[in-house]
Full PDB file with SEQRES, HELIX, SHEET, SSBOND, CRYST1, ORIGX, SCALE, CONECT and MASTER records, all heavy atoms in Angstrom:
SEQRES   1 A   35  VAL ARG VAL GLY ASN ALA ALA HIS GLU GLN PHE GLN LEU          
SEQRES   2 A   35  ASP VAL TYR GLY GLU LEU MET ASP ALA PHE GLU GLN SER          
SEQRES   3 A   35  ARG LYS GLY GLY LEU ALA ALA THR GLU                          
HELIX    1 AA1 ALA A    6  GLU A    9  5                                   4    
HELIX    2 AA2 ASP A   14  GLY A   29  1                                  16    
CRYST1    1.000    1.000    1.000  90.00  90.00  90.00 P 1           1          
ORIGX1      1.000000  0.000000  0.000000        0.00000                         
ORIGX2      0.000000  1.000000  0.000000        0.00000                         
ORIGX3      0.000000  0.000000  1.000000        0.00000                         
SCALE1      1.000000  0.000000  0.000000        0.00000                         
SCALE2      0.000000  1.000000  0.000000        0.00000                         
SCALE3      0.000000  0.000000  1.000000        0.00000                         
ATOM      1  N   VAL A   1      84.072 183.793 169.129  1.00  0.00           N  
ATOM      2  CA  VAL A   1      82.613 183.824 169.514  1.00  0.00           C  
ATOM      3  C   VAL A   1      81.879 183.410 168.284  1.00  0.00           C  
ATOM      4  O   VAL A   1      81.976 184.055 167.262  1.00  0.00           O  
ATOM      5  CB  VAL A   1      82.239 185.222 170.092  1.00  0.00           C  
ATOM      6  CG1 VAL A   1      80.760 185.296 170.279  1.00  0.00           C  
ATOM      7  CG2 VAL A   1      82.980 185.561 171.336  1.00  0.00           C  
ATOM      8  N   ARG A   2      81.024 182.357 168.526  1.00  0.00           N  
ATOM      9  CA  ARG A   2      80.260 181.814 167.367  1.00  0.00           C  
ATOM     10  C   ARG A   2      78.811 182.151 167.479  1.00  0.00           C  
ATOM     11  O   ARG A   2      78.262 182.024 168.607  1.00  0.00           O  
ATOM     12  CB  ARG A   2      80.505 180.325 167.145  1.00  0.00           C  
ATOM     13  CG  ARG A   2      81.962 180.017 166.770  1.00  0.00           C  
ATOM     14  CD  ARG A   2      82.116 178.479 166.571  1.00  0.00           C  
ATOM     15  NE  ARG A   2      83.381 178.143 166.044  1.00  0.00           N  
ATOM     16  CZ  ARG A   2      84.401 177.641 166.799  1.00  0.00           C  
ATOM     17  NH1 ARG A   2      84.262 177.528 168.133  1.00  0.00           N  
ATOM     18  NH2 ARG A   2      85.549 177.318 166.216  1.00  0.00           N  
ATOM     19  N   VAL A   3      78.104 182.401 166.328  1.00  0.00           N  
ATOM     20  CA  VAL A   3      76.692 182.485 166.293  1.00  0.00           C  
ATOM     21  C   VAL A   3      76.238 181.484 165.167  1.00  0.00           C  
ATOM     22  O   VAL A   3      76.798 181.463 164.079  1.00  0.00           O  
ATOM     23  CB  VAL A   3      76.266 183.937 165.895  1.00  0.00           C  
ATOM     24  CG1 VAL A   3      74.756 183.982 165.547  1.00  0.00           C  
ATOM     25  CG2 VAL A   3      76.554 184.898 167.088  1.00  0.00           C  
ATOM     26  N   GLY A   4      75.196 180.762 165.508  1.00  0.00           N  
ATOM     27  CA  GLY A   4      74.774 179.718 164.602  1.00  0.00           C  
ATOM     28  C   GLY A   4      75.704 178.463 164.846  1.00  0.00           C  
ATOM     29  O   GLY A   4      76.612 178.578 165.658  1.00  0.00           O  
ATOM     30  N   ASN A   5      75.319 177.304 164.305  1.00  0.00           N  
ATOM     31  CA  ASN A   5      76.123 176.100 164.526  1.00  0.00           C  
ATOM     32  C   ASN A   5      76.202 175.211 163.311  1.00  0.00           C  
ATOM     33  O   ASN A   5      75.206 174.661 162.884  1.00  0.00           O  
ATOM     34  CB  ASN A   5      75.397 175.345 165.710  1.00  0.00           C  
ATOM     35  CG  ASN A   5      76.375 174.395 166.373  1.00  0.00           C  
ATOM     36  OD1 ASN A   5      77.009 173.579 165.710  1.00  0.00           O  
ATOM     37  ND2 ASN A   5      76.408 174.441 167.721  1.00  0.00           N  
ATOM     38  N   ALA A   6      77.351 175.155 162.735  1.00  0.00           N  
ATOM     39  CA  ALA A   6      77.534 174.438 161.527  1.00  0.00           C  
ATOM     40  C   ALA A   6      77.415 172.891 161.732  1.00  0.00           C  
ATOM     41  O   ALA A   6      77.293 172.166 160.688  1.00  0.00           O  
ATOM     42  CB  ALA A   6      78.896 174.718 160.899  1.00  0.00           C  
ATOM     43  N   ALA A   7      77.364 172.386 162.961  1.00  0.00           N  
ATOM     44  CA  ALA A   7      77.150 170.989 163.184  1.00  0.00           C  
ATOM     45  C   ALA A   7      75.785 170.543 162.706  1.00  0.00           C  
ATOM     46  O   ALA A   7      75.591 169.364 162.514  1.00  0.00           O  
ATOM     47  CB  ALA A   7      77.340 170.668 164.642  1.00  0.00           C  
ATOM     48  N   HIS A   8      74.895 171.525 162.334  1.00  0.00           N  
ATOM     49  CA  HIS A   8      73.612 171.079 161.890  1.00  0.00           C  
ATOM     50  C   HIS A   8      73.735 170.381 160.554  1.00  0.00           C  
ATOM     51  O   HIS A   8      72.765 169.649 160.055  1.00  0.00           O  
ATOM     52  CB  HIS A   8      72.641 172.224 161.817  1.00  0.00           C  
ATOM     53  CG  HIS A   8      72.888 173.186 160.620  1.00  0.00           C  
ATOM     54  ND1 HIS A   8      73.916 174.190 160.650  1.00  0.00           N  
ATOM     55  CD2 HIS A   8      72.350 173.262 159.428  1.00  0.00           C  
ATOM     56  CE1 HIS A   8      73.866 174.846 159.499  1.00  0.00           C  
ATOM     57  NE2 HIS A   8      72.953 174.249 158.687  1.00  0.00           N  
ATOM     58  N   GLU A   9      74.855 170.547 159.838  1.00  0.00           N  
ATOM     59  CA  GLU A   9      75.070 169.914 158.602  1.00  0.00           C  
ATOM     60  C   GLU A   9      75.614 168.457 158.690  1.00  0.00           C  
ATOM     61  O   GLU A   9      75.718 167.670 157.693  1.00  0.00           O  
ATOM     62  CB  GLU A   9      76.129 170.659 157.746  1.00  0.00           C  
ATOM     63  CG  GLU A   9      75.683 172.045 157.463  1.00  0.00           C  
ATOM     64  CD  GLU A   9      76.802 172.961 156.806  1.00  0.00           C  
ATOM     65  OE1 GLU A   9      77.941 172.607 157.030  1.00  0.00           O  
ATOM     66  OE2 GLU A   9      76.366 173.749 155.989  1.00  0.00           O  
ATOM     67  N   GLN A  10      75.887 168.033 159.931  1.00  0.00           N  
ATOM     68  CA  GLN A  10      76.499 166.720 160.123  1.00  0.00           C  
ATOM     69  C   GLN A  10      75.537 165.566 160.051  1.00  0.00           C  
ATOM     70  O   GLN A  10      74.301 165.716 160.180  1.00  0.00           O  
ATOM     71  CB  GLN A  10      77.187 166.601 161.507  1.00  0.00           C  
ATOM     72  CG  GLN A  10      78.425 167.500 161.697  1.00  0.00           C  
ATOM     73  CD  GLN A  10      79.058 167.244 163.033  1.00  0.00           C  
ATOM     74  OE1 GLN A  10      78.553 166.617 163.893  1.00  0.00           O  
ATOM     75  NE2 GLN A  10      80.232 167.841 163.216  1.00  0.00           N  
ATOM     76  N   PHE A  11      76.022 164.374 159.746  1.00  0.00           N  
ATOM     77  CA  PHE A  11      75.279 163.164 159.780  1.00  0.00           C  
ATOM     78  C   PHE A  11      75.512 162.446 161.118  1.00  0.00           C  
ATOM     79  O   PHE A  11      76.591 162.043 161.437  1.00  0.00           O  
ATOM     80  CB  PHE A  11      75.609 162.177 158.624  1.00  0.00           C  
ATOM     81  CG  PHE A  11      75.074 160.830 158.767  1.00  0.00           C  
ATOM     82  CD1 PHE A  11      73.670 160.632 158.931  1.00  0.00           C  
ATOM     83  CD2 PHE A  11      75.840 159.722 158.722  1.00  0.00           C  
ATOM     84  CE1 PHE A  11      73.149 159.338 159.048  1.00  0.00           C  
ATOM     85  CE2 PHE A  11      75.310 158.394 158.817  1.00  0.00           C  
ATOM     86  CZ  PHE A  11      73.894 158.242 158.993  1.00  0.00           C  
ATOM     87  N   GLN A  12      74.425 162.325 161.933  1.00  0.00           N  
ATOM     88  CA  GLN A  12      74.555 161.637 163.163  1.00  0.00           C  
ATOM     89  C   GLN A  12      73.425 160.610 163.248  1.00  0.00           C  
ATOM     90  O   GLN A  12      72.214 160.897 163.303  1.00  0.00           O  
ATOM     91  CB  GLN A  12      74.324 162.661 164.402  1.00  0.00           C  
ATOM     92  CG  GLN A  12      75.550 163.533 164.584  1.00  0.00           C  
ATOM     93  CD  GLN A  12      75.402 164.406 165.766  1.00  0.00           C  
ATOM     94  OE1 GLN A  12      74.727 164.089 166.759  1.00  0.00           O  
ATOM     95  NE2 GLN A  12      75.960 165.594 165.727  1.00  0.00           N  
ATOM     96  N   LEU A  13      73.847 159.368 163.208  1.00  0.00           N  
ATOM     97  CA  LEU A  13      72.934 158.249 163.165  1.00  0.00           C  
ATOM     98  C   LEU A  13      72.054 158.133 164.432  1.00  0.00           C  
ATOM     99  O   LEU A  13      70.932 157.719 164.389  1.00  0.00           O  
ATOM    100  CB  LEU A  13      73.699 156.965 162.874  1.00  0.00           C  
ATOM    101  CG  LEU A  13      72.883 155.684 162.819  1.00  0.00           C  
ATOM    102  CD1 LEU A  13      72.031 155.711 161.573  1.00  0.00           C  
ATOM    103  CD2 LEU A  13      73.811 154.408 162.671  1.00  0.00           C  
ATOM    104  N   ASP A  14      72.622 158.560 165.579  1.00  0.00           N  
ATOM    105  CA  ASP A  14      71.956 158.337 166.817  1.00  0.00           C  
ATOM    106  C   ASP A  14      70.660 159.071 166.972  1.00  0.00           C  
ATOM    107  O   ASP A  14      69.725 158.656 167.720  1.00  0.00           O  
ATOM    108  CB  ASP A  14      72.879 158.709 167.952  1.00  0.00           C  
ATOM    109  CG  ASP A  14      73.297 160.171 168.050  1.00  0.00           C  
ATOM    110  OD1 ASP A  14      73.987 160.552 167.062  1.00  0.00           O  
ATOM    111  OD2 ASP A  14      72.926 160.907 168.914  1.00  0.00           O  
ATOM    112  N   VAL A  15      70.476 160.195 166.278  1.00  0.00           N  
ATOM    113  CA  VAL A  15      69.318 161.045 166.481  1.00  0.00           C  
ATOM    114  C   VAL A  15      68.019 160.276 165.997  1.00  0.00           C  
ATOM    115  O   VAL A  15      66.873 160.572 166.511  1.00  0.00           O  
ATOM    116  CB  VAL A  15      69.429 162.383 165.726  1.00  0.00           C  
ATOM    117  CG1 VAL A  15      70.567 163.174 166.417  1.00  0.00           C  
ATOM    118  CG2 VAL A  15      69.610 162.273 164.242  1.00  0.00           C  
ATOM    119  N   TYR A  16      68.153 159.358 165.041  1.00  0.00           N  
ATOM    120  CA  TYR A  16      66.960 158.653 164.592  1.00  0.00           C  
ATOM    121  C   TYR A  16      66.401 157.805 165.794  1.00  0.00           C  
ATOM    122  O   TYR A  16      65.260 157.674 165.984  1.00  0.00           O  
ATOM    123  CB  TYR A  16      67.269 157.808 163.422  1.00  0.00           C  
ATOM    124  CG  TYR A  16      67.603 158.577 162.190  1.00  0.00           C  
ATOM    125  CD1 TYR A  16      68.926 158.890 161.823  1.00  0.00           C  
ATOM    126  CD2 TYR A  16      66.610 159.097 161.362  1.00  0.00           C  
ATOM    127  CE1 TYR A  16      69.244 159.688 160.764  1.00  0.00           C  
ATOM    128  CE2 TYR A  16      66.863 159.867 160.219  1.00  0.00           C  
ATOM    129  CZ  TYR A  16      68.204 160.146 159.969  1.00  0.00           C  
ATOM    130  OH  TYR A  16      68.525 160.860 158.790  1.00  0.00           O  
ATOM    131  N   GLY A  17      67.365 157.159 166.545  1.00  0.00           N  
ATOM    132  CA  GLY A  17      66.961 156.344 167.686  1.00  0.00           C  
ATOM    133  C   GLY A  17      66.392 157.254 168.766  1.00  0.00           C  
ATOM    134  O   GLY A  17      65.421 156.840 169.386  1.00  0.00           O  
ATOM    135  N   GLU A  18      66.923 158.398 168.940  1.00  0.00           N  
ATOM    136  CA  GLU A  18      66.420 159.322 169.956  1.00  0.00           C  
ATOM    137  C   GLU A  18      64.944 159.672 169.604  1.00  0.00           C  
ATOM    138  O   GLU A  18      64.055 159.654 170.468  1.00  0.00           O  
ATOM    139  CB  GLU A  18      67.252 160.571 170.017  1.00  0.00           C  
ATOM    140  CG  GLU A  18      68.544 160.440 170.800  1.00  0.00           C  
ATOM    141  CD  GLU A  18      68.389 160.243 172.248  1.00  0.00           C  
ATOM    142  OE1 GLU A  18      67.242 160.442 172.802  1.00  0.00           O  
ATOM    143  OE2 GLU A  18      69.366 159.808 172.946  1.00  0.00           O  
ATOM    144  N   LEU A  19      64.761 160.033 168.345  1.00  0.00           N  
ATOM    145  CA  LEU A  19      63.340 160.371 167.940  1.00  0.00           C  
ATOM    146  C   LEU A  19      62.341 159.241 168.132  1.00  0.00           C  
ATOM    147  O   LEU A  19      61.281 159.433 168.639  1.00  0.00           O  
ATOM    148  CB  LEU A  19      63.379 160.770 166.421  1.00  0.00           C  
ATOM    149  CG  LEU A  19      63.488 162.250 166.166  1.00  0.00           C  
ATOM    150  CD1 LEU A  19      63.467 162.471 164.623  1.00  0.00           C  
ATOM    151  CD2 LEU A  19      62.419 163.016 166.815  1.00  0.00           C  
ATOM    152  N   MET A  20      62.690 158.067 167.623  1.00  0.00           N  
ATOM    153  CA  MET A  20      61.843 156.917 167.767  1.00  0.00           C  
ATOM    154  C   MET A  20      61.602 156.526 169.224  1.00  0.00           C  
ATOM    155  O   MET A  20      60.409 156.192 169.571  1.00  0.00           O  
ATOM    156  CB  MET A  20      62.447 155.703 167.000  1.00  0.00           C  
ATOM    157  CG  MET A  20      62.421 155.867 165.511  1.00  0.00           C  
ATOM    158  SD  MET A  20      60.781 156.148 164.743  1.00  0.00           S  
ATOM    159  CE  MET A  20      59.989 154.598 165.123  1.00  0.00           C  
ATOM    160  N   ASP A  21      62.567 156.681 170.050  1.00  0.00           N  
ATOM    161  CA  ASP A  21      62.404 156.425 171.461  1.00  0.00           C  
ATOM    162  C   ASP A  21      61.490 157.468 172.108  1.00  0.00           C  
ATOM    163  O   ASP A  21      60.599 157.139 172.867  1.00  0.00           O  
ATOM    164  CB  ASP A  21      63.784 156.465 172.171  1.00  0.00           C  
ATOM    165  CG  ASP A  21      63.768 155.751 173.532  1.00  0.00           C  
ATOM    166  OD1 ASP A  21      62.726 155.194 173.845  1.00  0.00           O  
ATOM    167  OD2 ASP A  21      64.786 155.853 174.243  1.00  0.00           O  
ATOM    168  N   ALA A  22      61.689 158.732 171.668  1.00  0.00           N  
ATOM    169  CA  ALA A  22      60.737 159.737 172.227  1.00  0.00           C  
ATOM    170  C   ALA A  22      59.339 159.547 171.775  1.00  0.00           C  
ATOM    171  O   ALA A  22      58.437 159.697 172.607  1.00  0.00           O  
ATOM    172  CB  ALA A  22      61.227 161.172 171.720  1.00  0.00           C  
ATOM    173  N   PHE A  23      59.099 159.152 170.566  1.00  0.00           N  
ATOM    174  CA  PHE A  23      57.753 158.894 170.146  1.00  0.00           C  
ATOM    175  C   PHE A  23      57.165 157.705 170.861  1.00  0.00           C  
ATOM    176  O   PHE A  23      55.958 157.735 171.247  1.00  0.00           O  
ATOM    177  CB  PHE A  23      57.695 158.722 168.584  1.00  0.00           C  
ATOM    178  CG  PHE A  23      57.998 159.943 167.821  1.00  0.00           C  
ATOM    179  CD1 PHE A  23      58.808 159.855 166.711  1.00  0.00           C  
ATOM    180  CD2 PHE A  23      57.485 161.133 168.190  1.00  0.00           C  
ATOM    181  CE1 PHE A  23      59.042 161.023 165.983  1.00  0.00           C  
ATOM    182  CE2 PHE A  23      57.728 162.281 167.435  1.00  0.00           C  
ATOM    183  CZ  PHE A  23      58.494 162.258 166.294  1.00  0.00           C  
ATOM    184  N   GLU A  24      57.953 156.707 171.118  1.00  0.00           N  
ATOM    185  CA  GLU A  24      57.471 155.521 171.887  1.00  0.00           C  
ATOM    186  C   GLU A  24      57.120 155.928 173.304  1.00  0.00           C  
ATOM    187  O   GLU A  24      56.070 155.527 173.859  1.00  0.00           O  
ATOM    188  CB  GLU A  24      58.526 154.445 171.893  1.00  0.00           C  
ATOM    189  CG  GLU A  24      58.253 153.295 172.822  1.00  0.00           C  
ATOM    190  CD  GLU A  24      56.960 152.471 172.458  1.00  0.00           C  
ATOM    191  OE1 GLU A  24      56.354 152.668 171.406  1.00  0.00           O  
ATOM    192  OE2 GLU A  24      56.554 151.624 173.271  1.00  0.00           O  
ATOM    193  N   GLN A  25      57.975 156.793 173.952  1.00  0.00           N  
ATOM    194  CA  GLN A  25      57.670 157.181 175.281  1.00  0.00           C  
ATOM    195  C   GLN A  25      56.393 158.016 175.321  1.00  0.00           C  
ATOM    196  O   GLN A  25      55.676 157.962 176.304  1.00  0.00           O  
ATOM    197  CB  GLN A  25      58.828 157.941 175.924  1.00  0.00           C  
ATOM    198  CG  GLN A  25      60.127 157.146 175.994  1.00  0.00           C  
ATOM    199  CD  GLN A  25      60.044 155.875 176.837  1.00  0.00           C  
ATOM    200  OE1 GLN A  25      59.168 155.834 177.726  1.00  0.00           O  
ATOM    201  NE2 GLN A  25      60.772 154.839 176.510  1.00  0.00           N  
ATOM    202  N   SER A  26      56.211 158.789 174.314  1.00  0.00           N  
ATOM    203  CA  SER A  26      55.023 159.656 174.283  1.00  0.00           C  
ATOM    204  C   SER A  26      53.769 158.812 174.071  1.00  0.00           C  
ATOM    205  O   SER A  26      52.707 159.161 174.643  1.00  0.00           O  
ATOM    206  CB  SER A  26      55.113 160.748 173.142  1.00  0.00           C  
ATOM    207  OG  SER A  26      55.035 160.137 171.850  1.00  0.00           O  
ATOM    208  N   ARG A  27      53.866 157.691 173.344  1.00  0.00           N  
ATOM    209  CA  ARG A  27      52.730 156.815 173.228  1.00  0.00           C  
ATOM    210  C   ARG A  27      52.414 156.197 174.585  1.00  0.00           C  
ATOM    211  O   ARG A  27      51.239 156.145 175.075  1.00  0.00           O  
ATOM    212  CB  ARG A  27      52.973 155.670 172.172  1.00  0.00           C  
ATOM    213  CG  ARG A  27      52.766 156.090 170.830  1.00  0.00           C  
ATOM    214  CD  ARG A  27      52.815 154.897 169.838  1.00  0.00           C  
ATOM    215  NE  ARG A  27      54.149 154.326 169.702  1.00  0.00           N  
ATOM    216  CZ  ARG A  27      55.050 154.680 168.821  1.00  0.00           C  
ATOM    217  NH1 ARG A  27      54.820 155.635 167.977  1.00  0.00           N  
ATOM    218  NH2 ARG A  27      56.222 154.073 168.736  1.00  0.00           N  
ATOM    219  N   LYS A  28      53.456 155.666 175.284  1.00  0.00           N  
ATOM    220  CA  LYS A  28      53.270 155.120 176.646  1.00  0.00           C  
ATOM    221  C   LYS A  28      52.660 156.130 177.596  1.00  0.00           C  
ATOM    222  O   LYS A  28      51.821 155.787 178.451  1.00  0.00           O  
ATOM    223  CB  LYS A  28      54.559 154.568 177.159  1.00  0.00           C  
ATOM    224  CG  LYS A  28      55.120 153.418 176.506  1.00  0.00           C  
ATOM    225  CD  LYS A  28      56.387 152.990 177.184  1.00  0.00           C  
ATOM    226  CE  LYS A  28      57.043 151.694 176.602  1.00  0.00           C  
ATOM    227  NZ  LYS A  28      58.225 151.384 177.243  1.00  0.00           N  
ATOM    228  N   GLY A  29      53.101 157.359 177.441  1.00  0.00           N  
ATOM    229  CA  GLY A  29      52.638 158.402 178.432  1.00  0.00           C  
ATOM    230  C   GLY A  29      51.354 159.042 178.054  1.00  0.00           C  
ATOM    231  O   GLY A  29      50.788 159.933 178.757  1.00  0.00           O  
ATOM    232  N   GLY A  30      50.784 158.658 176.851  1.00  0.00           N  
ATOM    233  CA  GLY A  30      49.494 159.199 176.426  1.00  0.00           C  
ATOM    234  C   GLY A  30      49.516 160.628 176.023  1.00  0.00           C  
ATOM    235  O   GLY A  30      48.594 161.358 176.139  1.00  0.00           O  
ATOM    236  N   LEU A  31      50.707 161.099 175.548  1.00  0.00           N  
ATOM    237  CA  LEU A  31      50.792 162.443 175.051  1.00  0.00           C  
ATOM    238  C   LEU A  31      50.102 162.806 173.743  1.00  0.00           C  
ATOM    239  O   LEU A  31      49.911 163.846 173.364  1.00  0.00           O  
ATOM    240  CB  LEU A  31      52.293 162.837 174.922  1.00  0.00           C  
ATOM    241  CG  LEU A  31      53.059 162.876 176.243  1.00  0.00           C  
ATOM    242  CD1 LEU A  31      54.497 163.358 175.940  1.00  0.00           C  
ATOM    243  CD2 LEU A  31      52.438 163.837 177.280  1.00  0.00           C  
ATOM    244  N   ALA A  32      49.836 161.705 173.038  1.00  0.00           N  
ATOM    245  CA  ALA A  32      49.228 161.890 171.725  1.00  0.00           C  
ATOM    246  C   ALA A  32      48.416 160.546 171.339  1.00  0.00           C  
ATOM    247  O   ALA A  32      48.657 159.489 172.019  1.00  0.00           O  
ATOM    248  CB  ALA A  32      50.225 162.077 170.625  1.00  0.00           C  
ATOM    249  N   ALA A  33      47.585 160.585 170.438  1.00  0.00           N  
ATOM    250  CA  ALA A  33      46.917 159.412 169.951  1.00  0.00           C  
ATOM    251  C   ALA A  33      47.938 158.438 169.488  1.00  0.00           C  
ATOM    252  O   ALA A  33      48.919 158.816 168.877  1.00  0.00           O  
ATOM    253  CB  ALA A  33      45.889 159.744 168.881  1.00  0.00           C  
ATOM    254  N   THR A  34      47.727 157.130 169.681  1.00  0.00           N  
ATOM    255  CA  THR A  34      48.605 156.058 169.365  1.00  0.00           C  
ATOM    256  C   THR A  34      49.159 156.164 167.927  1.00  0.00           C  
ATOM    257  O   THR A  34      50.404 156.056 167.716  1.00  0.00           O  
ATOM    258  CB  THR A  34      48.025 154.657 169.633  1.00  0.00           C  
ATOM    259  OG1 THR A  34      47.699 154.621 170.953  1.00  0.00           O  
ATOM    260  CG2 THR A  34      49.022 153.606 169.288  1.00  0.00           C  
ATOM    261  N   GLU A  35      48.311 156.421 167.017  1.00  0.00           N  
ATOM    262  CA  GLU A  35      48.696 156.395 165.598  1.00  0.00           C  
ATOM    263  C   GLU A  35      49.287 157.721 165.115  1.00  0.00           C  
ATOM    264  O   GLU A  35      49.775 157.787 163.922  1.00  0.00           O  
ATOM    265  CB  GLU A  35      47.543 155.949 164.724  1.00  0.00           C  
ATOM    266  CG  GLU A  35      46.421 157.046 164.602  1.00  0.00           C  
ATOM    267  CD  GLU A  35      45.446 157.039 165.766  1.00  0.00           C  
ATOM    268  OE1 GLU A  35      45.656 156.253 166.715  1.00  0.00           O  
ATOM    269  OE2 GLU A  35      44.477 157.842 165.832  1.00  0.00           O  
TER     270      GLU A  35                                                      
MASTER        0    0    0    2    0    0    0    6  269    1    0    3          
END                                                                             
């Protein structure tokens, strides 16, 4: 039984694309000012 998650130390390249995609979708959806 584990508490906490050591995978937070890993390098995962895909998360940068996820973030940039999320910010782009939020711009399209008007969730925040464009800039």
